[in-house]
Amino acid sequence: MTSCLVAYAGPFGTYDSFSLGFRLVFWASVVGISIAAGTAIRVWVQSKDAEQGYWRPVLIASFLVTLLLALPLTLLAHSIADLHEAHVPPLHEISVMVFVIAVSVSASRQLLPNAEGLPVAEPDPPPAPPPDDPPPIQPRLLDRVAPEARGAIYRVSVDDHYVRLVTDAGETDLLMRFSDALKELDGADGMQVHRSHWVARGAVTGHRTEKSRLFLQMRDGAEVPVSRSFRKPVEDGLLNRP
């Protein structure tokens, strides 16, 4: 668009000197070189400081483009104008024109990114929030009880032909084998302490010994015996004894 307008206007004597086709080629080359130089300089300026925003690099790049192109464009204009006695603005006026055009082109590309068929620059997406901690795995054993009885597991014990599940929401008797209940405690932090008892680590509030027998004091007020075969793992794992 810029090349067509300048070619039609024919500044600096090009209207009288050249045909419309030649002016299109000539000014398209001049404008193309100017845009390429301006873009390269602006990218270079932005690479020096990525945090300086948009307009500061544009103004700096436009100033550098003016220094680079104003004098050659003035000399070119004089060489064309001398042949046809056309008027050529002085260097400082051409410098101002080059600077204004450079800033205008950059501003139009910022405000109308698709004016020249350029892809629209998508804004950087906001940083993703840090992932939340995954929810704790619920032991499958809790699926067997009513929703209102589900909660943090305290202990699991054998009660005749049933398995008693004790949580912070209450007690539930389940008709199943103790070995199967242990398999469904996957993900729960605890250990078997007796052939008939399993306890959660966080539910153990203390312990006591009676006649060399070890008992674990539980959060629900119960005492769970520790059998001899499990005593050392319990002392090392639950009671943190050396």
C-alpha atoms as a PDB file:
ATOM      1  CA  MET A   1       0.000   0.000   0.000  1.00  0.00           C
ATOM      2  CA  THR A   2       2.763   2.472   0.920  1.00  0.00           C
ATOM      3  CA  SER A   3       4.695   1.655  -2.250  1.00  0.00           C
ATOM      4  CA  CYS A   4       1.622   2.279  -4.433  1.00  0.00           C
ATOM      5  CA  LEU A   5       0.889   5.642  -2.816  1.00  0.00           C
ATOM      6  CA  VAL A   6       4.470   6.857  -3.144  1.00  0.00           C
ATOM      7  CA  ALA A   7       4.730   5.558  -6.714  1.00  0.00           C
ATOM      8  CA  TYR A   8       1.527   7.376  -7.675  1.00  0.00           C
ATOM      9  CA  ALA A   9       2.640  10.642  -6.025  1.00  0.00           C
ATOM     10  CA  GLY A  10       6.098  10.444  -7.611  1.00  0.00           C
ATOM     11  CA  PRO A  11       8.087  12.608  -5.145  1.00  0.00           C
ATOM     12  CA  PHE A  12      11.561  14.057  -5.822  1.00  0.00           C
ATOM     13  CA  GLY A  13      10.987  14.293  -9.573  1.00  0.00           C
ATOM     14  CA  THR A  14      10.211  10.624 -10.122  1.00  0.00           C
ATOM     15  CA  TYR A  15       6.730  11.502 -11.382  1.00  0.00           C
ATOM     16  CA  ASP A  16       8.205  13.328 -14.386  1.00  0.00           C
ATOM     17  CA  SER A  17      11.229  11.066 -14.820  1.00  0.00           C
ATOM     18  CA  PHE A  18       9.746   7.570 -14.741  1.00  0.00           C
ATOM     19  CA  SER A  19       6.700   5.728 -15.945  1.00  0.00           C
ATOM     20  CA  LEU A  20       4.178   4.425 -13.424  1.00  0.00           C
ATOM     21  CA  GLY A  21       5.478   0.864 -13.775  1.00  0.00           C
ATOM     22  CA  PHE A  22       9.066   1.930 -13.167  1.00  0.00           C
ATOM     23  CA  ARG A  23       7.990   4.094 -10.206  1.00  0.00           C
ATOM     24  CA  LEU A  24       6.227   1.102  -8.694  1.00  0.00           C
ATOM     25  CA  VAL A  25       9.386  -1.003  -8.931  1.00  0.00           C
ATOM     26  CA  PHE A  26      11.634   1.846  -7.786  1.00  0.00           C
ATOM     27  CA  TRP A  27       9.618   2.928  -4.758  1.00  0.00           C
ATOM     28  CA  ALA A  28       8.721  -0.645  -3.821  1.00  0.00           C
ATOM     29  CA  SER A  29      12.448  -1.330  -3.587  1.00  0.00           C
ATOM     30  CA  VAL A  30      13.068   1.821  -1.504  1.00  0.00           C
ATOM     31  CA  VAL A  31      10.152   1.128   0.849  1.00  0.00           C
ATOM     32  CA  GLY A  32      11.024  -2.559   1.094  1.00  0.00           C
ATOM     33  CA  ILE A  33      14.634  -1.789   2.009  1.00  0.00           C
ATOM     34  CA  SER A  34      13.427   0.758   4.555  1.00  0.00           C
ATOM     35  CA  ILE A  35      10.985  -1.670   6.179  1.00  0.00           C
ATOM     36  CA  ALA A  36      13.544  -4.499   6.209  1.00  0.00           C
ATOM     37  CA  ALA A  37      16.171  -2.238   7.749  1.00  0.00           C
ATOM     38  CA  GLY A  38      13.682  -0.879  10.295  1.00  0.00           C
ATOM     39  CA  THR A  39      12.472  -4.350  11.257  1.00  0.00           C
ATOM     40  CA  ALA A  40      16.007  -5.707  11.590  1.00  0.00           C
ATOM     41  CA  ILE A  41      17.074  -2.758  13.724  1.00  0.00           C
ATOM     42  CA  ARG A  42      13.937  -2.961  15.904  1.00  0.00           C
ATOM     43  CA  VAL A  43      14.439  -6.693  16.485  1.00  0.00           C
ATOM     44  CA  TRP A  44      18.072  -6.060  17.374  1.00  0.00           C
ATOM     45  CA  VAL A  45      17.106  -3.297  19.807  1.00  0.00           C
ATOM     46  CA  GLN A  46      14.445  -5.504  21.433  1.00  0.00           C
ATOM     47  CA  SER A  47      16.921  -8.366  21.790  1.00  0.00           C
ATOM     48  CA  LYS A  48      19.149  -6.140  23.904  1.00  0.00           C
ATOM     49  CA  ASP A  49      16.422  -5.638  26.498  1.00  0.00           C
ATOM     50  CA  ALA A  50      13.287  -7.744  26.259  1.00  0.00           C
ATOM     51  CA  GLU A  51      11.660  -5.922  29.177  1.00  0.00           C
ATOM     52  CA  GLN A  52      11.605  -2.434  27.665  1.00  0.00           C
ATOM     53  CA  GLY A  53       8.104  -2.708  26.177  1.00  0.00           C
ATOM     54  CA  TYR A  54       7.062  -1.894  22.623  1.00  0.00           C
ATOM     55  CA  TRP A  55       7.351   1.854  21.982  1.00  0.00           C
ATOM     56  CA  ARG A  56      10.863   2.400  23.250  1.00  0.00           C
ATOM     57  CA  PRO A  57      12.393  -0.066  20.730  1.00  0.00           C
ATOM     58  CA  VAL A  58      10.222   1.446  17.974  1.00  0.00           C
ATOM     59  CA  LEU A  59      11.481   4.974  18.667  1.00  0.00           C
ATOM     60  CA  ILE A  60      15.111   3.866  18.973  1.00  0.00           C
ATOM     61  CA  ALA A  61      14.853   1.786  15.779  1.00  0.00           C
ATOM     62  CA  SER A  62      13.176   4.660  13.905  1.00  0.00           C
ATOM     63  CA  PHE A  63      15.976   7.000  14.962  1.00  0.00           C
ATOM     64  CA  LEU A  64      18.624   4.547  13.762  1.00  0.00           C
ATOM     65  CA  VAL A  65      16.755   4.012  10.480  1.00  0.00           C
ATOM     66  CA  THR A  66      16.713   7.771  10.000  1.00  0.00           C
ATOM     67  CA  LEU A  67      20.481   7.952  10.502  1.00  0.00           C
ATOM     68  CA  LEU A  68      20.938   5.087   8.072  1.00  0.00           C
ATOM     69  CA  LEU A  69      18.586   6.158   5.265  1.00  0.00           C
ATOM     70  CA  ALA A  70      18.106   9.929   5.398  1.00  0.00           C
ATOM     71  CA  LEU A  71      21.394  10.871   3.767  1.00  0.00           C
ATOM     72  CA  PRO A  72      21.322   8.197   0.979  1.00  0.00           C
ATOM     73  CA  LEU A  73      17.688   9.111   0.232  1.00  0.00           C
ATOM     74  CA  THR A  74      18.596  12.819   0.041  1.00  0.00           C
ATOM     75  CA  LEU A  75      21.478  12.107  -2.326  1.00  0.00           C
ATOM     76  CA  LEU A  76      19.226   9.913  -4.467  1.00  0.00           C
ATOM     77  CA  ALA A  77      16.570  12.612  -4.565  1.00  0.00           C
ATOM     78  CA  HIS A  78      19.130  15.216  -5.627  1.00  0.00           C
ATOM     79  CA  SER A  79      20.460  12.986  -8.409  1.00  0.00           C
ATOM     80  CA  ILE A  80      16.937  12.574  -9.775  1.00  0.00           C
ATOM     81  CA  ALA A  81      15.887  16.182  -9.221  1.00  0.00           C
ATOM     82  CA  ASP A  82      18.963  17.638 -10.926  1.00  0.00           C
ATOM     83  CA  LEU A  83      17.824  16.098 -14.194  1.00  0.00           C
ATOM     84  CA  HIS A  84      14.436  17.791 -14.053  1.00  0.00           C
ATOM     85  CA  GLU A  85      15.084  20.861 -11.895  1.00  0.00           C
ATOM     86  CA  ALA A  86      12.722  19.514  -9.250  1.00  0.00           C
ATOM     87  CA  HIS A  87      12.736  20.807  -5.705  1.00  0.00           C
ATOM     88  CA  VAL A  88      14.298  18.568  -3.049  1.00  0.00           C
ATOM     89  CA  PRO A  89      13.699  19.233   0.677  1.00  0.00           C
ATOM     90  CA  PRO A  90      16.836  19.761   2.778  1.00  0.00           C
ATOM     91  CA  LEU A  91      18.406  16.927   4.711  1.00  0.00           C
ATOM     92  CA  HIS A  92      16.804  17.785   8.031  1.00  0.00           C
ATOM     93  CA  GLU A  93      13.299  17.785   6.504  1.00  0.00           C
ATOM     94  CA  ILE A  94      13.874  14.448   4.812  1.00  0.00           C
ATOM     95  CA  SER A  95      15.200  13.127   8.130  1.00  0.00           C
ATOM     96  CA  VAL A  96      12.005  14.177   9.860  1.00  0.00           C
ATOM     97  CA  MET A  97       9.913  12.557   7.127  1.00  0.00           C
ATOM     98  CA  VAL A  98      11.872   9.302   7.339  1.00  0.00           C
ATOM     99  CA  PHE A  99      11.523   9.248  11.129  1.00  0.00           C
ATOM    100  CA  VAL A 100       7.785   9.930  11.039  1.00  0.00           C
ATOM    101  CA  ILE A 101       7.221   7.307   8.360  1.00  0.00           C
ATOM    102  CA  ALA A 102       9.261   4.721  10.278  1.00  0.00           C
ATOM    103  CA  VAL A 103       7.301   5.356  13.467  1.00  0.00           C
ATOM    104  CA  SER A 104       3.997   5.344  11.563  1.00  0.00           C
ATOM    105  CA  VAL A 105       4.726   2.024   9.862  1.00  0.00           C
ATOM    106  CA  SER A 106       5.690   0.413  13.169  1.00  0.00           C
ATOM    107  CA  ALA A 107       2.605   1.854  14.899  1.00  0.00           C
ATOM    108  CA  SER A 108       0.274   0.654  12.140  1.00  0.00           C
ATOM    109  CA  ARG A 109       1.730  -2.844  12.311  1.00  0.00           C
ATOM    110  CA  GLN A 110       1.190  -2.823  16.076  1.00  0.00           C
ATOM    111  CA  LEU A 111      -2.406  -1.518  15.902  1.00  0.00           C
ATOM    112  CA  LEU A 112      -3.373  -3.384  12.715  1.00  0.00           C
ATOM    113  CA  PRO A 113      -1.235  -6.538  12.734  1.00  0.00           C
ATOM    114  CA  ASN A 114      -3.061  -8.026   9.747  1.00  0.00           C
ATOM    115  CA  ALA A 115      -2.976  -4.897   7.581  1.00  0.00           C
ATOM    116  CA  GLU A 116      -0.200  -6.436   5.490  1.00  0.00           C
ATOM    117  CA  GLY A 117      -1.253 -10.045   5.834  1.00  0.00           C
ATOM    118  CA  LEU A 118       1.015 -10.644   8.788  1.00  0.00           C
ATOM    119  CA  PRO A 119      -0.046 -13.223  11.361  1.00  0.00           C
ATOM    120  CA  VAL A 120      -1.596 -11.792  14.477  1.00  0.00           C
ATOM    121  CA  ALA A 121       0.751 -12.127  17.393  1.00  0.00           C
ATOM    122  CA  GLU A 122      -0.979 -14.043  20.114  1.00  0.00           C
ATOM    123  CA  PRO A 123      -0.411 -12.744  23.646  1.00  0.00           C
ATOM    124  CA  ASP A 124       1.637 -14.945  25.867  1.00  0.00           C
ATOM    125  CA  PRO A 125      -0.634 -17.214  27.868  1.00  0.00           C
ATOM    126  CA  PRO A 126      -0.696 -16.589  31.609  1.00  0.00           C
ATOM    127  CA  PRO A 127       1.593 -18.867  33.553  1.00  0.00           C
ATOM    128  CA  ALA A 128      -0.089 -22.087  34.549  1.00  0.00           C
ATOM    129  CA  PRO A 129      -0.854 -22.351  38.256  1.00  0.00           C
ATOM    130  CA  PRO A 130       1.267 -24.857  40.111  1.00  0.00           C
ATOM    131  CA  PRO A 131      -0.397 -28.259  40.164  1.00  0.00           C
ATOM    132  CA  ASP A 132      -2.278 -29.069  43.303  1.00  0.00           C
ATOM    133  CA  ASP A 133      -1.136 -31.963  45.399  1.00  0.00           C
ATOM    134  CA  PRO A 134      -2.902 -35.103  44.189  1.00  0.00           C
ATOM    135  CA  PRO A 135      -5.729 -36.170  46.479  1.00  0.00           C
ATOM    136  CA  PRO A 136      -4.805 -39.001  48.819  1.00  0.00           C
ATOM    137  CA  ILE A 137      -5.700 -42.463  47.643  1.00  0.00           C
ATOM    138  CA  GLN A 138      -8.800 -43.745  49.441  1.00  0.00           C
ATOM    139  CA  PRO A 139      -8.424 -47.338  50.539  1.00  0.00           C
ATOM    140  CA  ARG A 140     -10.852 -49.644  48.779  1.00  0.00           C
ATOM    141  CA  LEU A 141     -12.065 -50.890  52.148  1.00  0.00           C
ATOM    142  CA  LEU A 142     -13.936 -47.631  52.657  1.00  0.00           C
ATOM    143  CA  ASP A 143     -16.062 -48.392  49.603  1.00  0.00           C
ATOM    144  CA  ARG A 144     -17.740 -51.117  51.650  1.00  0.00           C
ATOM    145  CA  VAL A 145     -19.143 -48.750  54.260  1.00  0.00           C
ATOM    146  CA  ALA A 146     -21.891 -46.148  54.125  1.00  0.00           C
ATOM    147  CA  PRO A 147     -20.762 -42.654  53.080  1.00  0.00           C
ATOM    148  CA  GLU A 148     -21.497 -41.234  56.532  1.00  0.00           C
ATOM    149  CA  ALA A 149     -19.177 -43.836  58.121  1.00  0.00           C
ATOM    150  CA  ARG A 150     -16.235 -43.071  55.864  1.00  0.00           C
ATOM    151  CA  GLY A 151     -13.309 -41.109  57.232  1.00  0.00           C
ATOM    152  CA  ALA A 152      -9.744 -41.386  58.420  1.00  0.00           C
ATOM    153  CA  ILE A 153      -9.082 -45.018  59.302  1.00  0.00           C
ATOM    154  CA  TYR A 154      -7.944 -45.645  62.868  1.00  0.00           C
ATOM    155  CA  ARG A 155      -7.787 -49.425  63.040  1.00  0.00           C
ATOM    156  CA  VAL A 156      -9.087 -52.696  61.641  1.00  0.00           C
ATOM    157  CA  SER A 157      -9.696 -55.691  63.895  1.00  0.00           C
ATOM    158  CA  VAL A 158     -11.162 -59.174  63.765  1.00  0.00           C
ATOM    159  CA  ASP A 159     -14.451 -59.549  65.634  1.00  0.00           C
ATOM    160  CA  ASP A 160     -15.701 -63.125  65.438  1.00  0.00           C
ATOM    161  CA  HIS A 161     -16.695 -63.678  61.776  1.00  0.00           C
ATOM    162  CA  TYR A 162     -16.594 -59.967  61.032  1.00  0.00           C
ATOM    163  CA  VAL A 163     -13.975 -57.339  60.476  1.00  0.00           C
ATOM    164  CA  ARG A 164     -14.471 -54.172  62.497  1.00  0.00           C
ATOM    165  CA  LEU A 165     -13.438 -50.999  60.723  1.00  0.00           C
ATOM    166  CA  VAL A 166     -12.959 -47.996  63.005  1.00  0.00           C
ATOM    167  CA  THR A 167     -12.695 -44.505  61.519  1.00  0.00           C
ATOM    168  CA  ASP A 168     -13.045 -41.009  62.887  1.00  0.00           C
ATOM    169  CA  ALA A 169     -16.684 -41.238  61.743  1.00  0.00           C
ATOM    170  CA  GLY A 170     -17.538 -44.372  63.714  1.00  0.00           C
ATOM    171  CA  GLU A 171     -17.391 -48.173  63.602  1.00  0.00           C
ATOM    172  CA  THR A 172     -18.633 -50.603  60.959  1.00  0.00           C
ATOM    173  CA  ASP A 173     -18.681 -54.416  61.017  1.00  0.00           C
ATOM    174  CA  LEU A 174     -17.965 -56.033  57.641  1.00  0.00           C
ATOM    175  CA  LEU A 175     -18.604 -59.669  56.806  1.00  0.00           C
ATOM    176  CA  MET A 176     -15.278 -60.577  55.203  1.00  0.00           C
ATOM    177  CA  ARG A 177     -11.927 -62.188  55.914  1.00  0.00           C
ATOM    178  CA  PHE A 178      -9.274 -60.170  57.701  1.00  0.00           C
ATOM    179  CA  SER A 179      -6.709 -61.033  55.013  1.00  0.00           C
ATOM    180  CA  ASP A 180      -9.009 -59.565  52.358  1.00  0.00           C
ATOM    181  CA  ALA A 181      -9.511 -56.430  54.446  1.00  0.00           C
ATOM    182  CA  LEU A 182      -5.746 -55.964  54.652  1.00  0.00           C
ATOM    183  CA  LYS A 183      -5.496 -56.174  50.867  1.00  0.00           C
ATOM    184  CA  GLU A 184      -8.099 -53.421  50.536  1.00  0.00           C
ATOM    185  CA  LEU A 185      -6.156 -51.083  52.810  1.00  0.00           C
ATOM    186  CA  ASP A 186      -3.920 -50.121  49.889  1.00  0.00           C
ATOM    187  CA  GLY A 187      -2.695 -46.542  50.251  1.00  0.00           C
ATOM    188  CA  ALA A 188      -3.332 -46.373  54.000  1.00  0.00           C
ATOM    189  CA  ASP A 189      -0.349 -45.477  56.199  1.00  0.00           C
ATOM    190  CA  GLY A 190      -0.206 -48.141  58.852  1.00  0.00           C
ATOM    191  CA  MET A 191       0.775 -51.726  59.608  1.00  0.00           C
ATOM    192  CA  GLN A 192      -0.424 -55.009  60.969  1.00  0.00           C
ATOM    193  CA  VAL A 193       0.521 -55.360  64.648  1.00  0.00           C
ATOM    194  CA  HIS A 194      -1.225 -58.613  65.506  1.00  0.00           C
ATOM    195  CA  ARG A 195      -2.752 -61.487  63.608  1.00  0.00           C
ATOM    196  CA  SER A 196      -6.127 -59.842  64.347  1.00  0.00           C
ATOM    197  CA  HIS A 197      -5.261 -56.128  64.323  1.00  0.00           C
ATOM    198  CA  TRP A 198      -4.089 -53.432  61.921  1.00  0.00           C
ATOM    199  CA  VAL A 199      -3.533 -49.817  63.034  1.00  0.00           C
ATOM    200  CA  ALA A 200      -3.003 -46.541  61.228  1.00  0.00           C
ATOM    201  CA  ARG A 201       0.207 -44.729  62.062  1.00  0.00           C
ATOM    202  CA  GLY A 202      -1.520 -41.401  62.710  1.00  0.00           C
ATOM    203  CA  ALA A 203      -4.072 -42.985  65.055  1.00  0.00           C
ATOM    204  CA  VAL A 204      -1.504 -44.257  67.560  1.00  0.00           C
ATOM    205  CA  THR A 205      -1.359 -41.800  70.475  1.00  0.00           C
ATOM    206  CA  GLY A 206       0.870 -43.774  72.844  1.00  0.00           C
ATOM    207  CA  HIS A 207       1.772 -47.182  74.190  1.00  0.00           C
ATOM    208  CA  ARG A 208       2.233 -49.079  77.392  1.00  0.00           C
ATOM    209  CA  THR A 209       3.669 -52.405  78.507  1.00  0.00           C
ATOM    210  CA  GLU A 210       2.134 -54.862  80.909  1.00  0.00           C
ATOM    211  CA  LYS A 211       3.978 -58.009  81.936  1.00  0.00           C
ATOM    212  CA  SER A 212       6.321 -57.553  78.967  1.00  0.00           C
ATOM    213  CA  ARG A 213       3.348 -57.251  76.591  1.00  0.00           C
ATOM    214  CA  LEU A 214       3.070 -54.154  74.426  1.00  0.00           C
ATOM    215  CA  PHE A 215      -0.220 -52.313  73.922  1.00  0.00           C
ATOM    216  CA  LEU A 216      -0.862 -49.424  71.549  1.00  0.00           C
ATOM    217  CA  GLN A 217      -3.152 -46.650  72.735  1.00  0.00           C
ATOM    218  CA  MET A 218      -5.439 -45.509  69.915  1.00  0.00           C
ATOM    219  CA  ARG A 219      -7.115 -42.213  69.155  1.00  0.00           C
ATOM    220  CA  ASP A 220     -10.570 -43.727  69.643  1.00  0.00           C
ATOM    221  CA  GLY A 221      -9.644 -44.766  73.195  1.00  0.00           C
ATOM    222  CA  ALA A 222      -9.037 -48.447  72.481  1.00  0.00           C
ATOM    223  CA  GLU A 223      -5.881 -50.394  73.298  1.00  0.00           C
ATOM    224  CA  VAL A 224      -4.557 -52.763  70.654  1.00  0.00           C
ATOM    225  CA  PRO A 225      -2.231 -55.614  71.668  1.00  0.00           C
ATOM    226  CA  VAL A 226       0.997 -56.164  69.757  1.00  0.00           C
ATOM    227  CA  SER A 227       1.950 -59.798  69.268  1.00  0.00           C
ATOM    228  CA  ARG A 228       5.499 -60.962  69.837  1.00  0.00           C
ATOM    229  CA  SER A 229       6.152 -61.621  66.149  1.00  0.00           C
ATOM    230  CA  PHE A 230       5.197 -58.020  65.241  1.00  0.00           C
ATOM    231  CA  ARG A 231       6.788 -56.256  68.201  1.00  0.00           C
ATOM    232  CA  LYS A 232      10.123 -55.337  66.632  1.00  0.00           C
ATOM    233  CA  PRO A 233       8.597 -53.959  63.384  1.00  0.00           C
ATOM    234  CA  VAL A 234       6.123 -51.986  65.523  1.00  0.00           C
ATOM    235  CA  GLU A 235       8.853 -50.552  67.736  1.00  0.00           C
ATOM    236  CA  ASP A 236      11.008 -49.651  64.742  1.00  0.00           C
ATOM    237  CA  GLY A 237       8.228 -48.441  62.474  1.00  0.00           C
ATOM    238  CA  LEU A 238       5.484 -46.999  64.687  1.00  0.00           C
ATOM    239  CA  LEU A 239       7.160 -46.103  67.932  1.00  0.00           C
ATOM    240  CA  ASN A 240      10.437 -44.928  66.337  1.00  0.00           C
ATOM    241  CA  ARG A 241      12.559 -46.736  68.858  1.00  0.00           C
ATOM    242  CA  PRO A 242      16.234 -47.280  67.964  1.00  0.00           C
END
